[in-house]
Amino acid sequence: HPMAHTLEGFKIAERKDLNVGHVFLAMMLAVIVGILCGFWAMLHVFYRHGMDGSILGPGRWFGQEPFMTLNGWILSPRART
């Protein structure tokens, strides 16, 4: 979970008398760049090696758990207690 690292970064910025707003913007920029690079890398590997690429293992299972959970909720909804 990224929360511990985020709080640690803010604590370091506070102790070093850095502008917390600039640290926050740097963290948000890192998140956006990381997400974009991650999506690009995943698409690149799947395109180059196929969904069963040896680098990432069996790609056909990617996203299976959330899909199956949603499928279960839709096909057999349960009453909330």
PDB file of N, CA and C in Angstrom:
ATOM      1  N   HIS A   1       0.841  -1.169   0.000  1.00  0.00           N
ATOM      2  CA  HIS A   1       0.000   0.000   0.000  1.00  0.00           C
ATOM      3  C   HIS A   1       0.888   1.234   0.000  1.00  0.00           C
ATOM      4  N   PRO A   2       0.615   2.211  -0.853  1.00  0.00           N
ATOM      5  CA  PRO A   2       1.499   3.373  -0.966  1.00  0.00           C
ATOM      6  C   PRO A   2       1.365   4.398   0.160  1.00  0.00           C
ATOM      7  N   MET A   3       0.395   4.225   1.025  1.00  0.00           N
ATOM      8  CA  MET A   3       0.160   5.258   2.044  1.00  0.00           C
ATOM      9  C   MET A   3       1.352   5.447   2.974  1.00  0.00           C
ATOM     10  N   ALA A   4       1.994   4.367   3.381  1.00  0.00           N
ATOM     11  CA  ALA A   4       3.132   4.492   4.295  1.00  0.00           C
ATOM     12  C   ALA A   4       4.276   5.261   3.644  1.00  0.00           C
ATOM     13  N   HIS A   5       4.541   4.995   2.389  1.00  0.00           N
ATOM     14  CA  HIS A   5       5.616   5.697   1.686  1.00  0.00           C
ATOM     15  C   HIS A   5       5.276   7.175   1.482  1.00  0.00           C
ATOM     16  N   THR A   6       4.020   7.454   1.215  1.00  0.00           N
ATOM     17  CA  THR A   6       3.587   8.837   1.041  1.00  0.00           C
ATOM     18  C   THR A   6       3.750   9.618   2.332  1.00  0.00           C
ATOM     19  N   LEU A   7       3.304   9.060   3.419  1.00  0.00           N
ATOM     20  CA  LEU A   7       3.445   9.738   4.707  1.00  0.00           C
ATOM     21  C   LEU A   7       4.915   9.927   5.080  1.00  0.00           C
ATOM     22  N   GLU A   8       5.734   8.937   4.786  1.00  0.00           N
ATOM     23  CA  GLU A   8       7.170   9.053   5.060  1.00  0.00           C
ATOM     24  C   GLU A   8       7.787  10.180   4.231  1.00  0.00           C
ATOM     25  N   GLY A   9       7.373  10.292   2.979  1.00  0.00           N
ATOM     26  CA  GLY A   9       7.859  11.387   2.137  1.00  0.00           C
ATOM     27  C   GLY A   9       7.465  12.744   2.672  1.00  0.00           C
ATOM     28  N   PHE A  10       6.235  12.868   3.154  1.00  0.00           N
ATOM     29  CA  PHE A  10       5.805  14.143   3.734  1.00  0.00           C
ATOM     30  C   PHE A  10       6.560  14.453   5.021  1.00  0.00           C
ATOM     31  N   LYS A  11       6.859  13.434   5.810  1.00  0.00           N
ATOM     32  CA  LYS A  11       7.617  13.644   7.045  1.00  0.00           C
ATOM     33  C   LYS A  11       9.052  14.088   6.735  1.00  0.00           C
ATOM     34  N   ILE A  12       9.659  13.488   5.733  1.00  0.00           N
ATOM     35  CA  ILE A  12      11.000  13.905   5.326  1.00  0.00           C
ATOM     36  C   ILE A  12      10.974  15.339   4.823  1.00  0.00           C
ATOM     37  N   ALA A  13       9.967  15.689   4.021  1.00  0.00           N
ATOM     38  CA  ALA A  13       9.850  17.061   3.522  1.00  0.00           C
ATOM     39  C   ALA A  13       9.682  18.051   4.665  1.00  0.00           C
ATOM     40  N   GLU A  14       8.915  17.660   5.682  1.00  0.00           N
ATOM     41  CA  GLU A  14       8.709  18.528   6.844  1.00  0.00           C
ATOM     42  C   GLU A  14      10.011  18.737   7.615  1.00  0.00           C
ATOM     43  N   ARG A  15      10.766  17.672   7.815  1.00  0.00           N
ATOM     44  CA  ARG A  15      12.021  17.775   8.572  1.00  0.00           C
ATOM     45  C   ARG A  15      13.103  18.534   7.817  1.00  0.00           C
ATOM     46  N   LYS A  16      13.088  18.462   6.495  1.00  0.00           N
ATOM     47  CA  LYS A  16      14.092  19.152   5.682  1.00  0.00           C
ATOM     48  C   LYS A  16      13.627  20.540   5.244  1.00  0.00           C
ATOM     49  N   ASP A  17      12.510  20.996   5.766  1.00  0.00           N
ATOM     50  CA  ASP A  17      11.939  22.311   5.446  1.00  0.00           C
ATOM     51  C   ASP A  17      11.718  22.504   3.944  1.00  0.00           C
ATOM     52  N   LEU A  18      11.204  21.453   3.302  1.00  0.00           N
ATOM     53  CA  LEU A  18      10.850  21.535   1.889  1.00  0.00           C
ATOM     54  C   LEU A  18       9.394  21.963   1.759  1.00  0.00           C
ATOM     55  N   ASN A  19       9.057  22.483   0.594  1.00  0.00           N
ATOM     56  CA  ASN A  19       7.686  22.883   0.318  1.00  0.00           C
ATOM     57  C   ASN A  19       6.844  21.621   0.127  1.00  0.00           C
ATOM     58  N   VAL A  20       5.909  21.377   1.016  1.00  0.00           N
ATOM     59  CA  VAL A  20       5.085  20.162   0.968  1.00  0.00           C
ATOM     60  C   VAL A  20       4.243  20.123  -0.303  1.00  0.00           C
ATOM     61  N   GLY A  21       3.832  21.270  -0.788  1.00  0.00           N
ATOM     62  CA  GLY A  21       3.070  21.320  -2.038  1.00  0.00           C
ATOM     63  C   GLY A  21       3.882  20.807  -3.219  1.00  0.00           C
ATOM     64  N   HIS A  22       5.165  21.168  -3.254  1.00  0.00           N
ATOM     65  CA  HIS A  22       6.027  20.682  -4.333  1.00  0.00           C
ATOM     66  C   HIS A  22       6.253  19.174  -4.220  1.00  0.00           C
ATOM     67  N   VAL A  23       6.385  18.687  -3.001  1.00  0.00           N
ATOM     68  CA  VAL A  23       6.541  17.242  -2.796  1.00  0.00           C
ATOM     69  C   VAL A  23       5.274  16.515  -3.256  1.00  0.00           C
ATOM     70  N   PHE A  24       4.120  17.065  -2.940  1.00  0.00           N
ATOM     71  CA  PHE A  24       2.855  16.460  -3.368  1.00  0.00           C
ATOM     72  C   PHE A  24       2.760  16.424  -4.892  1.00  0.00           C
ATOM     73  N   LEU A  25       3.113  17.523  -5.558  1.00  0.00           N
ATOM     74  CA  LEU A  25       3.068  17.549  -7.023  1.00  0.00           C
ATOM     75  C   LEU A  25       4.048  16.543  -7.619  1.00  0.00           C
ATOM     76  N   ALA A  26       5.234  16.417  -7.016  1.00  0.00           N
ATOM     77  CA  ALA A  26       6.201  15.437  -7.504  1.00  0.00           C
ATOM     78  C   ALA A  26       5.661  14.019  -7.350  1.00  0.00           C
ATOM     79  N   MET A  27       4.989  13.747  -6.233  1.00  0.00           N
ATOM     80  CA  MET A  27       4.405  12.420  -6.022  1.00  0.00           C
ATOM     81  C   MET A  27       3.297  12.142  -7.032  1.00  0.00           C
ATOM     82  N   MET A  28       2.456  13.112  -7.300  1.00  0.00           N
ATOM     83  CA  MET A  28       1.369  12.923  -8.260  1.00  0.00           C
ATOM     84  C   MET A  28       1.920  12.723  -9.665  1.00  0.00           C
ATOM     85  N   LEU A  29       2.975  13.474 -10.011  1.00  0.00           N
ATOM     86  CA  LEU A  29       3.606  13.295 -11.318  1.00  0.00           C
ATOM     87  C   LEU A  29       4.203  11.896 -11.430  1.00  0.00           C
ATOM     88  N   ALA A  30       4.834  11.422 -10.359  1.00  0.00           N
ATOM     89  CA  ALA A  30       5.407  10.071 -10.356  1.00  0.00           C
ATOM     90  C   ALA A  30       4.316   9.014 -10.511  1.00  0.00           C
ATOM     91  N   VAL A  31       3.178   9.221  -9.878  1.00  0.00           N
ATOM     92  CA  VAL A  31       2.064   8.267 -10.001  1.00  0.00           C
ATOM     93  C   VAL A  31       1.566   8.217 -11.439  1.00  0.00           C
ATOM     94  N   ILE A  32       1.369   9.376 -12.048  1.00  0.00           N
ATOM     95  CA  ILE A  32       0.857   9.432 -13.419  1.00  0.00           C
ATOM     96  C   ILE A  32       1.845   8.804 -14.393  1.00  0.00           C
ATOM     97  N   VAL A  33       3.130   9.152 -14.268  1.00  0.00           N
ATOM     98  CA  VAL A  33       4.143   8.579 -15.151  1.00  0.00           C
ATOM     99  C   VAL A  33       4.248   7.067 -14.932  1.00  0.00           C
ATOM    100  N   GLY A  34       4.184   6.628 -13.681  1.00  0.00           N
ATOM    101  CA  GLY A  34       4.258   5.204 -13.389  1.00  0.00           C
ATOM    102  C   GLY A  34       3.093   4.427 -13.976  1.00  0.00           C
ATOM    103  N   ILE A  35       1.897   4.976 -13.882  1.00  0.00           N
ATOM    104  CA  ILE A  35       0.713   4.312 -14.449  1.00  0.00           C
ATOM    105  C   ILE A  35       0.838   4.207 -15.963  1.00  0.00           C
ATOM    106  N   LEU A  36       1.214   5.303 -16.608  1.00  0.00           N
ATOM    107  CA  LEU A  36       1.348   5.290 -18.067  1.00  0.00           C
ATOM    108  C   LEU A  36       2.438   4.331 -18.521  1.00  0.00           C
ATOM    109  N   CYS A  37       3.578   4.337 -17.843  1.00  0.00           N
ATOM    110  CA  CYS A  37       4.664   3.416 -18.197  1.00  0.00           C
ATOM    111  C   CYS A  37       4.262   1.962 -17.951  1.00  0.00           C
ATOM    112  N   GLY A  38       3.535   1.713 -16.885  1.00  0.00           N
ATOM    113  CA  GLY A  38       3.084   0.354 -16.596  1.00  0.00           C
ATOM    114  C   GLY A  38       2.135  -0.164 -17.654  1.00  0.00           C
ATOM    115  N   PHE A  39       1.181   0.674 -18.070  1.00  0.00           N
ATOM    116  CA  PHE A  39       0.254   0.250 -19.122  1.00  0.00           C
ATOM    117  C   PHE A  39       0.994   0.011 -20.430  1.00  0.00           C
ATOM    118  N   TRP A  40       1.916   0.920 -20.770  1.00  0.00           N
ATOM    119  CA  TRP A  40       2.677   0.742 -22.002  1.00  0.00           C
ATOM    120  C   TRP A  40       3.494  -0.538 -21.943  1.00  0.00           C
ATOM    121  N   ALA A  41       4.174  -0.783 -20.843  1.00  0.00           N
ATOM    122  CA  ALA A  41       5.018  -1.977 -20.726  1.00  0.00           C
ATOM    123  C   ALA A  41       4.183  -3.244 -20.838  1.00  0.00           C
ATOM    124  N   MET A  42       3.024  -3.264 -20.205  1.00  0.00           N
ATOM    125  CA  MET A  42       2.160  -4.440 -20.256  1.00  0.00           C
ATOM    126  C   MET A  42       1.684  -4.694 -21.693  1.00  0.00           C
ATOM    127  N   LEU A  43       1.244  -3.642 -22.374  1.00  0.00           N
ATOM    128  CA  LEU A  43       0.789  -3.808 -23.758  1.00  0.00           C
ATOM    129  C   LEU A  43       1.936  -4.228 -24.667  1.00  0.00           C
ATOM    130  N   HIS A  44       3.113  -3.655 -24.444  1.00  0.00           N
ATOM    131  CA  HIS A  44       4.275  -3.990 -25.266  1.00  0.00           C
ATOM    132  C   HIS A  44       4.642  -5.468 -25.108  1.00  0.00           C
ATOM    133  N   VAL A  45       4.705  -5.954 -23.881  1.00  0.00           N
ATOM    134  CA  VAL A  45       5.072  -7.351 -23.643  1.00  0.00           C
ATOM    135  C   VAL A  45       4.011  -8.288 -24.211  1.00  0.00           C
ATOM    136  N   PHE A  46       2.733  -7.970 -24.008  1.00  0.00           N
ATOM    137  CA  PHE A  46       1.680  -8.829 -24.540  1.00  0.00           C
ATOM    138  C   PHE A  46       1.679  -8.821 -26.068  1.00  0.00           C
ATOM    139  N   TYR A  47       1.967  -7.688 -26.680  1.00  0.00           N
ATOM    140  CA  TYR A  47       2.005  -7.637 -28.138  1.00  0.00           C
ATOM    141  C   TYR A  47       3.215  -8.406 -28.672  1.00  0.00           C
ATOM    142  N   ARG A  48       4.348  -8.240 -28.016  1.00  0.00           N
ATOM    143  CA  ARG A  48       5.576  -8.860 -28.503  1.00  0.00           C
ATOM    144  C   ARG A  48       5.623 -10.365 -28.237  1.00  0.00           C
ATOM    145  N   HIS A  49       5.189 -10.797 -27.072  1.00  0.00           N
ATOM    146  CA  HIS A  49       5.314 -12.203 -26.677  1.00  0.00           C
ATOM    147  C   HIS A  49       3.981 -12.942 -26.653  1.00  0.00           C
ATOM    148  N   GLY A  50       2.902 -12.251 -26.874  1.00  0.00           N
ATOM    149  CA  GLY A  50       1.596 -12.881 -26.799  1.00  0.00           C
ATOM    150  C   GLY A  50       1.092 -12.916 -25.373  1.00  0.00           C
ATOM    151  N   MET A  51      -0.156 -13.254 -25.205  1.00  0.00           N
ATOM    152  CA  MET A  51      -0.753 -13.266 -23.866  1.00  0.00           C
ATOM    153  C   MET A  51      -0.140 -14.325 -22.976  1.00  0.00           C
ATOM    154  N   ASP A  52       0.465 -15.347 -23.550  1.00  0.00           N
ATOM    155  CA  ASP A  52       1.139 -16.378 -22.759  1.00  0.00           C
ATOM    156  C   ASP A  52       2.645 -16.133 -22.746  1.00  0.00           C
ATOM    157  N   GLY A  53       3.036 -14.838 -22.782  1.00  0.00           N
ATOM    158  CA  GLY A  53       4.448 -14.495 -22.819  1.00  0.00           C
ATOM    159  C   GLY A  53       5.210 -15.047 -21.629  1.00  0.00           C
ATOM    160  N   SER A  54       6.437 -15.463 -21.888  1.00  0.00           N
ATOM    161  CA  SER A  54       7.228 -16.074 -20.825  1.00  0.00           C
ATOM    162  C   SER A  54       7.669 -15.060 -19.775  1.00  0.00           C
ATOM    163  N   ILE A  55       7.656 -13.780 -20.095  1.00  0.00           N
ATOM    164  CA  ILE A  55       8.105 -12.768 -19.133  1.00  0.00           C
ATOM    165  C   ILE A  55       7.086 -12.605 -18.017  1.00  0.00           C
ATOM    166  N   LEU A  56       5.812 -12.514 -18.350  1.00  0.00           N
ATOM    167  CA  LEU A  56       4.781 -12.272 -17.341  1.00  0.00           C
ATOM    168  C   LEU A  56       4.024 -13.529 -16.945  1.00  0.00           C
ATOM    169  N   GLY A  57       4.371 -14.652 -17.510  1.00  0.00           N
ATOM    170  CA  GLY A  57       3.622 -15.858 -17.191  1.00  0.00           C
ATOM    171  C   GLY A  57       2.315 -15.900 -17.965  1.00  0.00           C
ATOM    172  N   PRO A  58       1.397 -16.712 -17.518  1.00  0.00           N
ATOM    173  CA  PRO A  58       0.136 -16.867 -18.256  1.00  0.00           C
ATOM    174  C   PRO A  58      -0.686 -15.577 -18.246  1.00  0.00           C
ATOM    175  N   GLY A  59      -0.719 -14.891 -19.361  1.00  0.00           N
ATOM    176  CA  GLY A  59      -1.449 -13.637 -19.453  1.00  0.00           C
ATOM    177  C   GLY A  59      -2.945 -13.809 -19.497  1.00  0.00           C
ATOM    178  N   ARG A  60      -3.399 -15.010 -19.816  1.00  0.00           N
ATOM    179  CA  ARG A  60      -4.854 -15.198 -19.906  1.00  0.00           C
ATOM    180  C   ARG A  60      -5.521 -15.087 -18.543  1.00  0.00           C
ATOM    181  N   TRP A  61      -4.741 -15.185 -17.456  1.00  0.00           N
ATOM    182  CA  TRP A  61      -5.307 -15.069 -16.120  1.00  0.00           C
ATOM    183  C   TRP A  61      -5.318 -13.627 -15.632  1.00  0.00           C
ATOM    184  N   PHE A  62      -4.771 -12.717 -16.417  1.00  0.00           N
ATOM    185  CA  PHE A  62      -4.697 -11.328 -16.003  1.00  0.00           C
ATOM    186  C   PHE A  62      -6.107 -10.758 -15.854  1.00  0.00           C
ATOM    187  N   GLY A  63      -6.416 -10.261 -14.688  1.00  0.00           N
ATOM    188  CA  GLY A  63      -7.719  -9.666 -14.441  1.00  0.00           C
ATOM    189  C   GLY A  63      -8.824 -10.666 -14.181  1.00  0.00           C
ATOM    190  N   GLN A  64      -8.481 -11.928 -14.037  1.00  0.00           N
ATOM    191  CA  GLN A  64      -9.517 -12.951 -13.874  1.00  0.00           C
ATOM    192  C   GLN A  64     -10.232 -12.830 -12.529  1.00  0.00           C
ATOM    193  N   GLU A  65      -9.498 -12.548 -11.462  1.00  0.00           N
ATOM    194  CA  GLU A  65     -10.127 -12.489 -10.137  1.00  0.00           C
ATOM    195  C   GLU A  65     -11.177 -11.385 -10.040  1.00  0.00           C
ATOM    196  N   PRO A  66     -10.874 -10.119 -10.432  1.00  0.00           N
ATOM    197  CA  PRO A  66     -11.940  -9.113 -10.349  1.00  0.00           C
ATOM    198  C   PRO A  66     -13.113  -9.406 -11.281  1.00  0.00           C
ATOM    199  N   PHE A  67     -12.817  -9.985 -12.459  1.00  0.00           N
ATOM    200  CA  PHE A  67     -13.898 -10.318 -13.380  1.00  0.00           C
ATOM    201  C   PHE A  67     -14.808 -11.372 -12.782  1.00  0.00           C
ATOM    202  N   MET A  68     -14.220 -12.413 -12.200  1.00  0.00           N
ATOM    203  CA  MET A  68     -15.039 -13.482 -11.623  1.00  0.00           C
ATOM    204  C   MET A  68     -15.840 -12.986 -10.417  1.00  0.00           C
ATOM    205  N   THR A  69     -15.263 -12.082  -9.627  1.00  0.00           N
ATOM    206  CA  THR A  69     -16.000 -11.504  -8.502  1.00  0.00           C
ATOM    207  C   THR A  69     -17.202 -10.713  -9.003  1.00  0.00           C
ATOM    208  N   LEU A  70     -16.986  -9.852  -9.989  1.00  0.00           N
ATOM    209  CA  LEU A  70     -18.083  -9.069 -10.558  1.00  0.00           C
ATOM    210  C   LEU A  70     -19.120  -9.980 -11.199  1.00  0.00           C
ATOM    211  N   ASN A  71     -18.669 -11.003 -11.897  1.00  0.00           N
ATOM    212  CA  ASN A  71     -19.581 -11.952 -12.529  1.00  0.00           C
ATOM    213  C   ASN A  71     -20.460 -12.626 -11.477  1.00  0.00           C
ATOM    214  N   GLY A  72     -19.876 -13.000 -10.346  1.00  0.00           N
ATOM    215  CA  GLY A  72     -20.653 -13.613  -9.271  1.00  0.00           C
ATOM    216  C   GLY A  72     -21.673 -12.659  -8.686  1.00  0.00           C
ATOM    217  N   TRP A  73     -21.272 -11.392  -8.526  1.00  0.00           N
ATOM    218  CA  TRP A  73     -22.209 -10.396  -7.992  1.00  0.00           C
ATOM    219  C   TRP A  73     -23.395 -10.193  -8.930  1.00  0.00           C
ATOM    220  N   ILE A  74     -23.133 -10.201 -10.240  1.00  0.00           N
ATOM    221  CA  ILE A  74     -24.194  -9.954 -11.213  1.00  0.00           C
ATOM    222  C   ILE A  74     -25.118 -11.168 -11.349  1.00  0.00           C
ATOM    223  N   LEU A  75     -24.532 -12.376 -11.441  1.00  0.00           N
ATOM    224  CA  LEU A  75     -25.334 -13.571 -11.678  1.00  0.00           C
ATOM    225  C   LEU A  75     -26.068 -14.072 -10.439  1.00  0.00           C
ATOM    226  N   SER A  76     -25.499 -13.888  -9.276  1.00  0.00           N
ATOM    227  CA  SER A  76     -26.177 -14.361  -8.065  1.00  0.00           C
ATOM    228  C   SER A  76     -26.002 -13.333  -6.952  1.00  0.00           C
ATOM    229  N   PRO A  77     -26.758 -12.231  -7.042  1.00  0.00           N
ATOM    230  CA  PRO A  77     -26.639 -11.200  -6.006  1.00  0.00           C
ATOM    231  C   PRO A  77     -27.154 -11.708  -4.646  1.00  0.00           C
ATOM    232  N   ARG A  78     -26.524 -11.208  -3.606  1.00  0.00           N
ATOM    233  CA  ARG A  78     -26.936 -11.583  -2.243  1.00  0.00           C
ATOM    234  C   ARG A  78     -27.517 -10.369  -1.550  1.00  0.00           C
ATOM    235  N   ALA A  79     -28.495 -10.605  -0.707  1.00  0.00           N
ATOM    236  CA  ALA A  79     -29.093  -9.511   0.069  1.00  0.00           C
ATOM    237  C   ALA A  79     -28.098  -9.080   1.143  1.00  0.00           C
ATOM    238  N   ARG A  80     -27.959  -7.783   1.340  1.00  0.00           N
ATOM    239  CA  ARG A  80     -27.074  -7.278   2.379  1.00  0.00           C
ATOM    240  C   ARG A  80     -27.757  -7.373   3.722  1.00  0.00           C
ATOM    241  N   THR A  81     -26.967  -7.748   4.715  1.00  0.00           N
ATOM    242  CA  THR A  81     -27.555  -7.876   6.054  1.00  0.00           C
ATOM    243  C   THR A  81     -27.078  -6.771   6.951  1.00  0.00           C
TER     244      THR A  81
END
